[in-house]
Amino acid sequence: MKTIAFLGSPRKDGNTELLLNEAIRGVKETVSRDVIVFNLNLMKIAPCQDCGGCEKTGECVLDDDMTKLYPEIRSADRIILASPIFFFGLSAQSKTMIDRCQSFWCEKYLLKKPISPGNAGRKGLLIIVGGMKKEVGVECGGACAKAFFRTISVSEHIVLSFLGVDAKGAIRDHPTALKDAFEAGKRLSSV
């Protein structure tokens, strides 16, 4: 079972990364396999240009680091997306990668060639954390992630969210967050 993870936070060793690391630890404990992690902040991914280049082929015409992600997304059985919430939405790094999955949308809905679910089925995990205390950030970020997962044929996903956590490393003070992330990683791998 192949698992990939997208770290959408620009903050090194921040709350999002700490949670993601615990989820990955849970995955590895369950399936004893490596998880391929893509730090989106370190990748050169241009925004979608809405050029229509993918409409007839299902392939993006832009050539940058996203080109490396397409085959990884296509072949993964489990996909983790971890992002902070900024202004009630996913980070720019996460959103840019998601927007570039427009080619998968064209492939699935225009060309009627969805990504195969494979033998294990495709499952996902969304990890979001933010300083605000209102649920609207989780709702907005979650809606975007749901569209992303649906587009790449991830039939179901777990949502793990934490609000009111802002300072770097503050997630360590949450009574259950790191354990919850670890358990979510285990659940992701066992379904």
N, C-alpha and C. Protein backbone atom coordinates (compact mmCIF):
# COMPACT_ATOMS: atom_id res chain seq x y z
N MET A 1 0.85 -1.18 0.00
CA MET A 1 0.00 0.00 0.00
C MET A 1 0.90 1.24 0.00
N LYS A 2 0.73 2.09 -0.99
CA LYS A 2 1.55 3.29 -1.12
C LYS A 2 0.86 4.48 -0.46
N THR A 3 1.60 5.17 0.40
CA THR A 3 1.08 6.35 1.09
C THR A 3 1.95 7.55 0.76
N ILE A 4 1.29 8.64 0.38
CA ILE A 4 1.99 9.90 0.16
C ILE A 4 1.37 10.96 1.06
N ALA A 5 2.17 11.97 1.38
CA ALA A 5 1.70 13.05 2.25
C ALA A 5 2.16 14.38 1.70
N PHE A 6 1.28 15.37 1.80
CA PHE A 6 1.60 16.72 1.39
C PHE A 6 1.63 17.61 2.62
N LEU A 7 2.78 18.22 2.87
CA LEU A 7 2.91 19.19 3.95
C LEU A 7 2.71 20.57 3.34
N GLY A 8 1.63 21.22 3.71
CA GLY A 8 1.28 22.50 3.12
C GLY A 8 1.63 23.70 3.98
N SER A 9 2.44 23.50 5.00
CA SER A 9 2.79 24.62 5.88
C SER A 9 4.16 25.20 5.52
N PRO A 10 4.28 26.53 5.53
CA PRO A 10 5.58 27.14 5.32
C PRO A 10 6.44 27.15 6.59
N ARG A 11 5.83 26.87 7.73
CA ARG A 11 6.53 26.96 9.03
C ARG A 11 7.24 25.64 9.33
N LYS A 12 8.56 25.65 9.31
CA LYS A 12 9.33 24.45 9.61
C LYS A 12 9.13 24.06 11.07
N ASP A 13 8.87 22.78 11.28
CA ASP A 13 8.65 22.22 12.63
C ASP A 13 7.49 22.89 13.35
N GLY A 14 6.51 23.37 12.61
CA GLY A 14 5.33 24.00 13.20
C GLY A 14 4.27 22.97 13.56
N ASN A 15 3.13 23.47 13.96
CA ASN A 15 2.04 22.61 14.42
C ASN A 15 1.58 21.62 13.36
N THR A 16 1.46 22.08 12.12
CA THR A 16 1.02 21.21 11.04
C THR A 16 2.01 20.08 10.82
N GLU A 17 3.29 20.41 10.80
CA GLU A 17 4.31 19.39 10.57
C GLU A 17 4.38 18.40 11.74
N LEU A 18 4.23 18.89 12.96
CA LEU A 18 4.24 18.00 14.13
C LEU A 18 3.08 17.00 14.05
N LEU A 19 1.90 17.49 13.68
CA LEU A 19 0.75 16.60 13.53
C LEU A 19 0.96 15.60 12.40
N LEU A 20 1.48 16.08 11.28
CA LEU A 20 1.72 15.20 10.14
C LEU A 20 2.72 14.10 10.52
N ASN A 21 3.78 14.47 11.22
CA ASN A 21 4.78 13.48 11.62
C ASN A 21 4.17 12.39 12.50
N GLU A 22 3.25 12.76 13.37
CA GLU A 22 2.59 11.76 14.22
C GLU A 22 1.69 10.86 13.39
N ALA A 23 0.97 11.43 12.43
CA ALA A 23 0.13 10.62 11.56
C ALA A 23 0.98 9.64 10.76
N ILE A 24 2.11 10.10 10.27
CA ILE A 24 3.02 9.24 9.51
C ILE A 24 3.55 8.12 10.40
N ARG A 25 3.85 8.45 11.64
CA ARG A 25 4.30 7.42 12.59
C ARG A 25 3.22 6.34 12.76
N GLY A 26 1.95 6.77 12.82
CA GLY A 26 0.84 5.82 12.91
C GLY A 26 0.72 4.95 11.68
N VAL A 27 0.91 5.56 10.51
CA VAL A 27 0.88 4.79 9.26
C VAL A 27 1.98 3.73 9.27
N LYS A 28 3.18 4.16 9.62
CA LYS A 28 4.33 3.24 9.58
C LYS A 28 4.17 2.11 10.59
N GLU A 29 3.57 2.39 11.74
CA GLU A 29 3.37 1.34 12.73
C GLU A 29 2.38 0.29 12.21
N THR A 30 1.43 0.73 11.41
CA THR A 30 0.39 -0.19 10.92
C THR A 30 0.86 -0.99 9.72
N VAL A 31 1.51 -0.35 8.77
CA VAL A 31 1.86 -1.04 7.54
C VAL A 31 3.36 -1.23 7.33
N SER A 32 4.18 -0.71 8.21
CA SER A 32 5.64 -0.88 8.13
C SER A 32 6.19 -0.49 6.76
N ARG A 33 5.70 0.60 6.24
CA ARG A 33 6.18 1.09 4.95
C ARG A 33 6.54 2.57 5.07
N ASP A 34 7.37 2.99 4.17
CA ASP A 34 7.73 4.40 4.13
C ASP A 34 6.57 5.21 3.58
N VAL A 35 6.52 6.44 4.00
CA VAL A 35 5.56 7.40 3.49
C VAL A 35 6.36 8.45 2.73
N ILE A 36 5.95 8.72 1.52
CA ILE A 36 6.64 9.74 0.72
C ILE A 36 6.02 11.08 1.07
N VAL A 37 6.85 11.99 1.59
CA VAL A 37 6.37 13.30 2.02
C VAL A 37 6.85 14.36 1.04
N PHE A 38 5.92 15.21 0.62
CA PHE A 38 6.24 16.32 -0.26
C PHE A 38 6.02 17.62 0.51
N ASN A 39 7.09 18.35 0.73
CA ASN A 39 7.01 19.65 1.40
C ASN A 39 6.68 20.67 0.32
N LEU A 40 5.43 21.05 0.23
CA LEU A 40 4.98 21.92 -0.86
C LEU A 40 5.65 23.29 -0.84
N ASN A 41 6.06 23.74 0.34
CA ASN A 41 6.71 25.04 0.44
C ASN A 41 8.08 25.05 -0.24
N LEU A 42 8.71 23.89 -0.36
CA LEU A 42 10.03 23.80 -0.97
C LEU A 42 9.98 23.46 -2.46
N MET A 43 8.77 23.28 -2.97
CA MET A 43 8.62 22.92 -4.38
C MET A 43 8.27 24.14 -5.22
N LYS A 44 8.67 24.10 -6.44
CA LYS A 44 8.35 25.16 -7.40
C LYS A 44 7.12 24.73 -8.20
N ILE A 45 5.96 25.19 -7.74
CA ILE A 45 4.70 24.85 -8.39
C ILE A 45 3.99 26.16 -8.74
N ALA A 46 3.83 26.38 -10.02
CA ALA A 46 3.13 27.59 -10.48
C ALA A 46 1.63 27.41 -10.31
N PRO A 47 0.91 28.49 -10.13
CA PRO A 47 -0.55 28.39 -10.05
C PRO A 47 -1.15 27.92 -11.38
N CYS A 48 -2.31 27.29 -11.31
CA CYS A 48 -3.04 26.92 -12.51
C CYS A 48 -3.32 28.19 -13.32
N GLN A 49 -3.13 28.09 -14.62
CA GLN A 49 -3.34 29.25 -15.49
C GLN A 49 -4.71 29.22 -16.17
N ASP A 50 -5.52 28.23 -15.88
CA ASP A 50 -6.84 28.08 -16.50
C ASP A 50 -6.75 28.27 -18.01
N CYS A 51 -5.71 27.62 -18.58
CA CYS A 51 -5.44 27.79 -20.01
C CYS A 51 -6.23 26.81 -20.88
N GLY A 52 -6.81 25.78 -20.26
CA GLY A 52 -7.55 24.79 -21.02
C GLY A 52 -6.66 23.72 -21.64
N GLY A 53 -5.36 23.79 -21.38
CA GLY A 53 -4.43 22.83 -21.97
C GLY A 53 -4.67 21.39 -21.57
N CYS A 54 -5.31 21.16 -20.44
CA CYS A 54 -5.54 19.79 -19.97
C CYS A 54 -6.91 19.25 -20.37
N GLU A 55 -7.73 20.06 -21.00
CA GLU A 55 -9.11 19.65 -21.27
C GLU A 55 -9.24 18.49 -22.24
N LYS A 56 -8.33 18.38 -23.20
CA LYS A 56 -8.43 17.31 -24.20
C LYS A 56 -7.59 16.10 -23.87
N THR A 57 -6.59 16.29 -23.00
CA THR A 57 -5.67 15.18 -22.70
C THR A 57 -5.70 14.74 -21.24
N GLY A 58 -6.16 15.60 -20.35
CA GLY A 58 -6.09 15.31 -18.92
C GLY A 58 -4.70 15.51 -18.37
N GLU A 59 -3.83 16.15 -19.14
CA GLU A 59 -2.46 16.40 -18.71
C GLU A 59 -2.17 17.89 -18.71
N CYS A 60 -1.57 18.36 -17.62
CA CYS A 60 -1.21 19.77 -17.52
C CYS A 60 -0.07 20.08 -18.47
N VAL A 61 -0.13 21.25 -19.09
CA VAL A 61 0.90 21.65 -20.04
C VAL A 61 2.07 22.37 -19.36
N LEU A 62 1.90 22.75 -18.10
CA LEU A 62 2.98 23.42 -17.38
C LEU A 62 4.01 22.38 -16.94
N ASP A 63 5.28 22.77 -16.97
CA ASP A 63 6.36 21.85 -16.60
C ASP A 63 7.12 22.45 -15.42
N ASP A 64 6.81 21.95 -14.23
CA ASP A 64 7.50 22.38 -13.02
C ASP A 64 7.47 21.22 -12.03
N ASP A 65 7.66 21.47 -10.76
CA ASP A 65 7.70 20.37 -9.79
C ASP A 65 6.39 19.60 -9.66
N MET A 66 5.30 20.18 -10.09
CA MET A 66 4.02 19.47 -10.05
C MET A 66 4.06 18.23 -10.94
N THR A 67 4.87 18.29 -11.98
CA THR A 67 5.02 17.16 -12.89
C THR A 67 5.44 15.90 -12.14
N LYS A 68 6.25 16.07 -11.07
CA LYS A 68 6.68 14.94 -10.25
C LYS A 68 5.53 14.39 -9.40
N LEU A 69 4.57 15.24 -9.07
CA LEU A 69 3.49 14.83 -8.18
C LEU A 69 2.39 14.04 -8.88
N TYR A 70 2.15 14.32 -10.14
CA TYR A 70 1.04 13.65 -10.84
C TYR A 70 1.13 12.13 -10.77
N PRO A 71 2.27 11.51 -11.10
CA PRO A 71 2.31 10.04 -11.01
C PRO A 71 2.21 9.53 -9.57
N GLU A 72 2.71 10.31 -8.63
CA GLU A 72 2.63 9.91 -7.22
C GLU A 72 1.17 9.91 -6.75
N ILE A 73 0.43 10.94 -7.12
CA ILE A 73 -0.99 11.02 -6.76
C ILE A 73 -1.75 9.88 -7.43
N ARG A 74 -1.45 9.63 -8.67
CA ARG A 74 -2.16 8.60 -9.44
C ARG A 74 -1.95 7.20 -8.85
N SER A 75 -0.76 6.94 -8.33
CA SER A 75 -0.44 5.58 -7.88
C SER A 75 -0.60 5.36 -6.38
N ALA A 76 -0.96 6.38 -5.63
CA ALA A 76 -1.08 6.25 -4.17
C ALA A 76 -2.38 5.58 -3.77
N ASP A 77 -2.30 4.79 -2.72
CA ASP A 77 -3.48 4.18 -2.12
C ASP A 77 -4.01 5.04 -0.98
N ARG A 78 -3.11 5.71 -0.29
CA ARG A 78 -3.46 6.58 0.84
C ARG A 78 -2.79 7.93 0.63
N ILE A 79 -3.57 9.00 0.84
CA ILE A 79 -3.06 10.35 0.64
C ILE A 79 -3.39 11.20 1.86
N ILE A 80 -2.36 11.85 2.39
CA ILE A 80 -2.52 12.75 3.53
C ILE A 80 -2.26 14.17 3.06
N LEU A 81 -3.16 15.07 3.43
CA LEU A 81 -2.98 16.49 3.17
C LEU A 81 -2.99 17.19 4.52
N ALA A 82 -1.88 17.87 4.84
CA ALA A 82 -1.76 18.59 6.11
C ALA A 82 -1.53 20.06 5.81
N SER A 83 -2.40 20.92 6.34
CA SER A 83 -2.32 22.35 6.04
C SER A 83 -2.75 23.17 7.24
N PRO A 84 -2.07 24.30 7.43
CA PRO A 84 -2.62 25.26 8.38
C PRO A 84 -3.82 25.96 7.73
N ILE A 85 -4.62 26.58 8.56
CA ILE A 85 -5.73 27.39 8.05
C ILE A 85 -5.29 28.85 8.11
N PHE A 86 -5.30 29.50 6.96
CA PHE A 86 -4.99 30.92 6.86
C PHE A 86 -6.23 31.62 6.30
N PHE A 87 -6.74 32.63 6.97
CA PHE A 87 -7.90 33.38 6.50
C PHE A 87 -9.04 32.45 6.09
N PHE A 88 -9.34 31.48 6.93
CA PHE A 88 -10.43 30.52 6.75
C PHE A 88 -10.24 29.57 5.58
N GLY A 89 -9.02 29.41 5.09
CA GLY A 89 -8.79 28.49 3.98
C GLY A 89 -7.48 27.75 4.12
N LEU A 90 -7.26 26.80 3.24
CA LEU A 90 -6.00 26.08 3.21
C LEU A 90 -4.87 27.04 2.83
N SER A 91 -3.66 26.67 3.17
CA SER A 91 -2.50 27.51 2.84
C SER A 91 -2.36 27.66 1.32
N ALA A 92 -1.68 28.70 0.90
CA ALA A 92 -1.43 28.93 -0.53
C ALA A 92 -0.67 27.76 -1.14
N GLN A 93 0.25 27.19 -0.38
CA GLN A 93 1.02 26.06 -0.87
C GLN A 93 0.09 24.88 -1.17
N SER A 94 -0.82 24.61 -0.26
CA SER A 94 -1.78 23.51 -0.46
C SER A 94 -2.72 23.81 -1.62
N LYS A 95 -3.24 25.01 -1.62
CA LYS A 95 -4.23 25.39 -2.64
C LYS A 95 -3.62 25.41 -4.04
N THR A 96 -2.38 25.83 -4.16
CA THR A 96 -1.72 25.84 -5.47
C THR A 96 -1.60 24.42 -6.02
N MET A 97 -1.19 23.48 -5.16
CA MET A 97 -1.08 22.09 -5.59
C MET A 97 -2.46 21.55 -5.97
N ILE A 98 -3.46 21.85 -5.16
CA ILE A 98 -4.82 21.38 -5.44
C ILE A 98 -5.33 21.95 -6.76
N ASP A 99 -5.12 23.23 -6.98
CA ASP A 99 -5.58 23.86 -8.23
C ASP A 99 -4.94 23.22 -9.45
N ARG A 100 -3.70 22.79 -9.31
CA ARG A 100 -3.01 22.16 -10.44
C ARG A 100 -3.52 20.74 -10.69
N CYS A 101 -4.39 20.25 -9.83
CA CYS A 101 -5.04 18.96 -10.06
C CYS A 101 -6.26 19.12 -10.97
N GLN A 102 -6.41 20.30 -11.55
CA GLN A 102 -7.47 20.51 -12.54
C GLN A 102 -7.35 19.50 -13.68
N SER A 103 -6.12 19.09 -13.97
CA SER A 103 -5.93 18.10 -15.04
C SER A 103 -6.59 16.77 -14.67
N PHE A 104 -6.56 16.39 -13.38
CA PHE A 104 -7.27 15.19 -12.95
C PHE A 104 -8.79 15.39 -13.07
N TRP A 105 -9.25 16.61 -12.78
CA TRP A 105 -10.67 16.90 -12.92
C TRP A 105 -11.10 16.72 -14.38
N CYS A 106 -10.31 17.25 -15.30
CA CYS A 106 -10.63 17.11 -16.72
C CYS A 106 -10.61 15.64 -17.13
N GLU A 107 -9.61 14.93 -16.66
CA GLU A 107 -9.50 13.51 -16.99
C GLU A 107 -10.72 12.73 -16.48
N LYS A 108 -11.15 13.05 -15.25
CA LYS A 108 -12.25 12.31 -14.64
C LYS A 108 -13.60 12.70 -15.21
N TYR A 109 -13.86 14.00 -15.28
CA TYR A 109 -15.21 14.45 -15.62
C TYR A 109 -15.42 14.76 -17.11
N LEU A 110 -14.42 15.25 -17.79
CA LEU A 110 -14.57 15.53 -19.22
C LEU A 110 -14.25 14.31 -20.07
N LEU A 111 -13.15 13.63 -19.73
CA LEU A 111 -12.71 12.49 -20.53
C LEU A 111 -13.24 11.16 -20.01
N LYS A 112 -13.92 11.20 -18.86
CA LYS A 112 -14.54 10.00 -18.26
C LYS A 112 -13.51 8.90 -17.98
N LYS A 113 -12.33 9.32 -17.47
CA LYS A 113 -11.27 8.37 -17.13
C LYS A 113 -10.78 8.65 -15.71
N PRO A 114 -11.57 8.29 -14.70
CA PRO A 114 -11.14 8.53 -13.33
C PRO A 114 -9.94 7.66 -12.95
N ILE A 115 -9.21 8.10 -11.95
CA ILE A 115 -8.10 7.30 -11.42
C ILE A 115 -8.68 6.01 -10.85
N SER A 116 -8.04 4.91 -11.13
CA SER A 116 -8.49 3.61 -10.64
C SER A 116 -8.35 3.55 -9.12
N PRO A 117 -9.34 2.96 -8.45
CA PRO A 117 -9.23 2.84 -6.99
C PRO A 117 -8.21 1.79 -6.56
N GLY A 118 -7.72 0.98 -7.47
CA GLY A 118 -6.75 -0.06 -7.12
C GLY A 118 -7.37 -1.12 -6.23
N ASN A 119 -6.54 -2.04 -5.78
CA ASN A 119 -7.01 -3.16 -4.96
C ASN A 119 -7.38 -2.74 -3.55
N ALA A 120 -6.68 -1.75 -3.01
CA ALA A 120 -6.89 -1.35 -1.61
C ALA A 120 -7.91 -0.22 -1.48
N GLY A 121 -8.38 0.32 -2.61
CA GLY A 121 -9.23 1.50 -2.53
C GLY A 121 -8.37 2.70 -2.18
N ARG A 122 -8.85 3.87 -2.46
CA ARG A 122 -8.07 5.09 -2.17
C ARG A 122 -8.73 5.80 -1.00
N LYS A 123 -7.95 6.07 0.04
CA LYS A 123 -8.44 6.74 1.23
C LYS A 123 -7.55 7.93 1.54
N GLY A 124 -8.10 8.88 2.28
CA GLY A 124 -7.34 10.08 2.60
C GLY A 124 -7.45 10.50 4.05
N LEU A 125 -6.58 11.41 4.41
CA LEU A 125 -6.57 12.02 5.73
C LEU A 125 -6.28 13.50 5.55
N LEU A 126 -7.14 14.33 6.09
CA LEU A 126 -6.95 15.77 6.08
C LEU A 126 -6.61 16.20 7.50
N ILE A 127 -5.48 16.89 7.66
CA ILE A 127 -5.07 17.44 8.95
C ILE A 127 -5.03 18.95 8.79
N ILE A 128 -5.85 19.66 9.58
CA ILE A 128 -5.83 21.12 9.52
C ILE A 128 -5.75 21.68 10.94
N VAL A 129 -5.00 22.76 11.05
CA VAL A 129 -4.81 23.40 12.35
C VAL A 129 -4.72 24.90 12.15
N GLY A 130 -5.33 25.64 13.06
CA GLY A 130 -5.30 27.09 12.91
C GLY A 130 -5.52 27.81 14.23
N GLY A 131 -5.17 29.07 14.23
CA GLY A 131 -5.27 29.89 15.44
C GLY A 131 -6.68 30.36 15.75
N MET A 132 -7.52 30.46 14.75
CA MET A 132 -8.88 30.94 15.01
C MET A 132 -9.67 29.91 15.79
N LYS A 133 -10.74 30.36 16.39
CA LYS A 133 -11.57 29.45 17.19
C LYS A 133 -12.90 29.16 16.53
N LYS A 134 -13.16 29.79 15.39
CA LYS A 134 -14.43 29.58 14.70
C LYS A 134 -14.31 28.41 13.74
N GLU A 135 -15.37 27.62 13.67
CA GLU A 135 -15.40 26.43 12.82
C GLU A 135 -15.37 26.75 11.32
N VAL A 136 -15.61 28.00 10.95
CA VAL A 136 -15.69 28.34 9.53
C VAL A 136 -14.39 28.01 8.79
N GLY A 137 -13.25 28.12 9.47
CA GLY A 137 -11.97 27.76 8.85
C GLY A 137 -11.91 26.28 8.51
N VAL A 138 -12.39 25.46 9.43
CA VAL A 138 -12.44 24.02 9.19
C VAL A 138 -13.42 23.72 8.06
N GLU A 139 -14.56 24.39 8.07
CA GLU A 139 -15.57 24.15 7.04
C GLU A 139 -15.06 24.55 5.65
N CYS A 140 -14.46 25.72 5.55
CA CYS A 140 -13.97 26.19 4.24
C CYS A 140 -12.79 25.35 3.76
N GLY A 141 -11.80 25.16 4.63
CA GLY A 141 -10.65 24.33 4.26
C GLY A 141 -11.07 22.90 3.96
N GLY A 142 -12.00 22.39 4.75
CA GLY A 142 -12.49 21.03 4.54
C GLY A 142 -13.23 20.86 3.23
N ALA A 143 -13.99 21.89 2.83
CA ALA A 143 -14.72 21.82 1.56
C ALA A 143 -13.75 21.76 0.38
N CYS A 144 -12.70 22.55 0.45
CA CYS A 144 -11.69 22.54 -0.61
C CYS A 144 -11.01 21.17 -0.68
N ALA A 145 -10.63 20.64 0.49
CA ALA A 145 -9.97 19.33 0.52
C ALA A 145 -10.91 18.24 0.03
N LYS A 146 -12.18 18.33 0.36
CA LYS A 146 -13.15 17.33 -0.09
C LYS A 146 -13.22 17.31 -1.62
N ALA A 147 -13.23 18.49 -2.23
CA ALA A 147 -13.25 18.56 -3.70
C ALA A 147 -11.96 17.97 -4.29
N PHE A 148 -10.84 18.25 -3.64
CA PHE A 148 -9.55 17.69 -4.07
C PHE A 148 -9.59 16.17 -4.01
N PHE A 149 -9.97 15.63 -2.85
CA PHE A 149 -10.01 14.18 -2.70
C PHE A 149 -10.99 13.54 -3.69
N ARG A 150 -12.14 14.14 -3.88
CA ARG A 150 -13.13 13.59 -4.82
C ARG A 150 -12.55 13.59 -6.24
N THR A 151 -11.88 14.65 -6.62
CA THR A 151 -11.32 14.77 -7.96
C THR A 151 -10.26 13.71 -8.23
N ILE A 152 -9.46 13.37 -7.22
CA ILE A 152 -8.41 12.37 -7.42
C ILE A 152 -8.89 10.97 -7.01
N SER A 153 -10.20 10.80 -6.96
CA SER A 153 -10.84 9.50 -6.71
C SER A 153 -10.50 8.89 -5.36
N VAL A 154 -10.38 9.74 -4.35
CA VAL A 154 -10.27 9.27 -2.97
C VAL A 154 -11.70 9.24 -2.45
N SER A 155 -12.21 8.03 -2.26
CA SER A 155 -13.63 7.86 -1.98
C SER A 155 -14.05 8.31 -0.59
N GLU A 156 -13.13 8.24 0.36
CA GLU A 156 -13.45 8.70 1.72
C GLU A 156 -12.18 9.19 2.40
N HIS A 157 -12.38 10.12 3.31
CA HIS A 157 -11.23 10.63 4.05
C HIS A 157 -11.61 11.00 5.47
N ILE A 158 -10.63 10.92 6.34
CA ILE A 158 -10.75 11.30 7.74
C ILE A 158 -10.38 12.77 7.85
N VAL A 159 -11.08 13.52 8.69
CA VAL A 159 -10.73 14.92 8.94
C VAL A 159 -10.30 15.05 10.39
N LEU A 160 -9.11 15.60 10.59
CA LEU A 160 -8.59 15.86 11.92
C LEU A 160 -8.29 17.36 11.98
N SER A 161 -8.99 18.08 12.85
CA SER A 161 -8.81 19.53 12.89
C SER A 161 -8.63 20.01 14.32
N PHE A 162 -7.83 21.06 14.45
CA PHE A 162 -7.56 21.68 15.74
C PHE A 162 -7.61 23.19 15.58
N LEU A 163 -8.40 23.82 16.43
CA LEU A 163 -8.56 25.27 16.39
C LEU A 163 -7.98 25.90 17.65
N GLY A 164 -7.70 27.19 17.58
CA GLY A 164 -7.17 27.91 18.73
C GLY A 164 -5.72 27.55 19.03
N VAL A 165 -5.01 27.05 18.02
CA VAL A 165 -3.61 26.66 18.18
C VAL A 165 -2.81 27.48 17.18
N ASP A 166 -2.05 28.44 17.67
CA ASP A 166 -1.39 29.37 16.77
C ASP A 166 0.13 29.39 16.90
N ALA A 167 0.65 29.55 18.10
CA ALA A 167 2.10 29.69 18.30
C ALA A 167 2.81 28.41 17.86
N LYS A 168 4.00 28.59 17.32
CA LYS A 168 4.79 27.45 16.86
C LYS A 168 4.99 26.46 18.01
N GLY A 169 4.64 25.21 17.76
CA GLY A 169 4.81 24.16 18.75
C GLY A 169 3.70 24.05 19.77
N ALA A 170 2.73 24.97 19.72
CA ALA A 170 1.66 24.98 20.73
C ALA A 170 0.80 23.72 20.69
N ILE A 171 0.83 23.01 19.58
CA ILE A 171 0.04 21.78 19.48
C ILE A 171 0.49 20.75 20.51
N ARG A 172 1.74 20.86 20.94
CA ARG A 172 2.26 19.94 21.97
C ARG A 172 1.51 20.11 23.30
N ASP A 173 0.94 21.29 23.52
CA ASP A 173 0.21 21.56 24.76
C ASP A 173 -1.24 21.09 24.70
N HIS A 174 -1.70 20.72 23.52
CA HIS A 174 -3.07 20.20 23.38
C HIS A 174 -3.11 18.83 24.05
N PRO A 175 -4.13 18.54 24.82
CA PRO A 175 -4.14 17.28 25.59
C PRO A 175 -4.16 16.00 24.76
N THR A 176 -4.71 16.05 23.55
CA THR A 176 -4.85 14.80 22.78
C THR A 176 -4.36 14.89 21.33
N ALA A 177 -3.95 16.05 20.86
CA ALA A 177 -3.72 16.26 19.43
C ALA A 177 -2.71 15.30 18.82
N LEU A 178 -1.55 15.16 19.42
CA LEU A 178 -0.53 14.31 18.83
C LEU A 178 -0.96 12.84 18.85
N LYS A 179 -1.61 12.43 19.91
CA LYS A 179 -2.14 11.07 19.98
C LYS A 179 -3.25 10.88 18.94
N ASP A 180 -4.10 11.88 18.79
CA ASP A 180 -5.17 11.80 17.79
C ASP A 180 -4.60 11.66 16.39
N ALA A 181 -3.53 12.39 16.09
CA ALA A 181 -2.90 12.32 14.77
C ALA A 181 -2.30 10.93 14.54
N PHE A 182 -1.63 10.41 15.56
CA PHE A 182 -1.05 9.07 15.48
C PHE A 182 -2.15 8.04 15.20
N GLU A 183 -3.24 8.12 15.94
CA GLU A 183 -4.35 7.18 15.77
C GLU A 183 -5.01 7.34 14.40
N ALA A 184 -5.10 8.57 13.92
CA ALA A 184 -5.67 8.80 12.58
C ALA A 184 -4.81 8.15 11.51
N GLY A 185 -3.49 8.22 11.67
CA GLY A 185 -2.59 7.56 10.74
C GLY A 185 -2.76 6.05 10.76
N LYS A 186 -2.93 5.50 11.96
CA LYS A 186 -3.18 4.05 12.07
C LYS A 186 -4.50 3.67 11.40
N ARG A 187 -5.55 4.47 11.63
CA ARG A 187 -6.86 4.18 11.03
C ARG A 187 -6.79 4.26 9.52
N LEU A 188 -6.07 5.26 9.03
CA LEU A 188 -5.94 5.43 7.57
C LEU A 188 -5.36 4.18 6.94
N SER A 189 -4.38 3.60 7.57
CA SER A 189 -3.70 2.44 7.01
C SER A 189 -4.45 1.14 7.19
N SER A 190 -5.35 1.11 8.16
CA SER A 190 -6.04 -0.14 8.45
C SER A 190 -7.37 -0.29 7.72
N VAL A 191 -7.83 0.76 7.06
CA VAL A 191 -9.13 0.67 6.36
C VAL A 191 -8.94 0.28 4.91
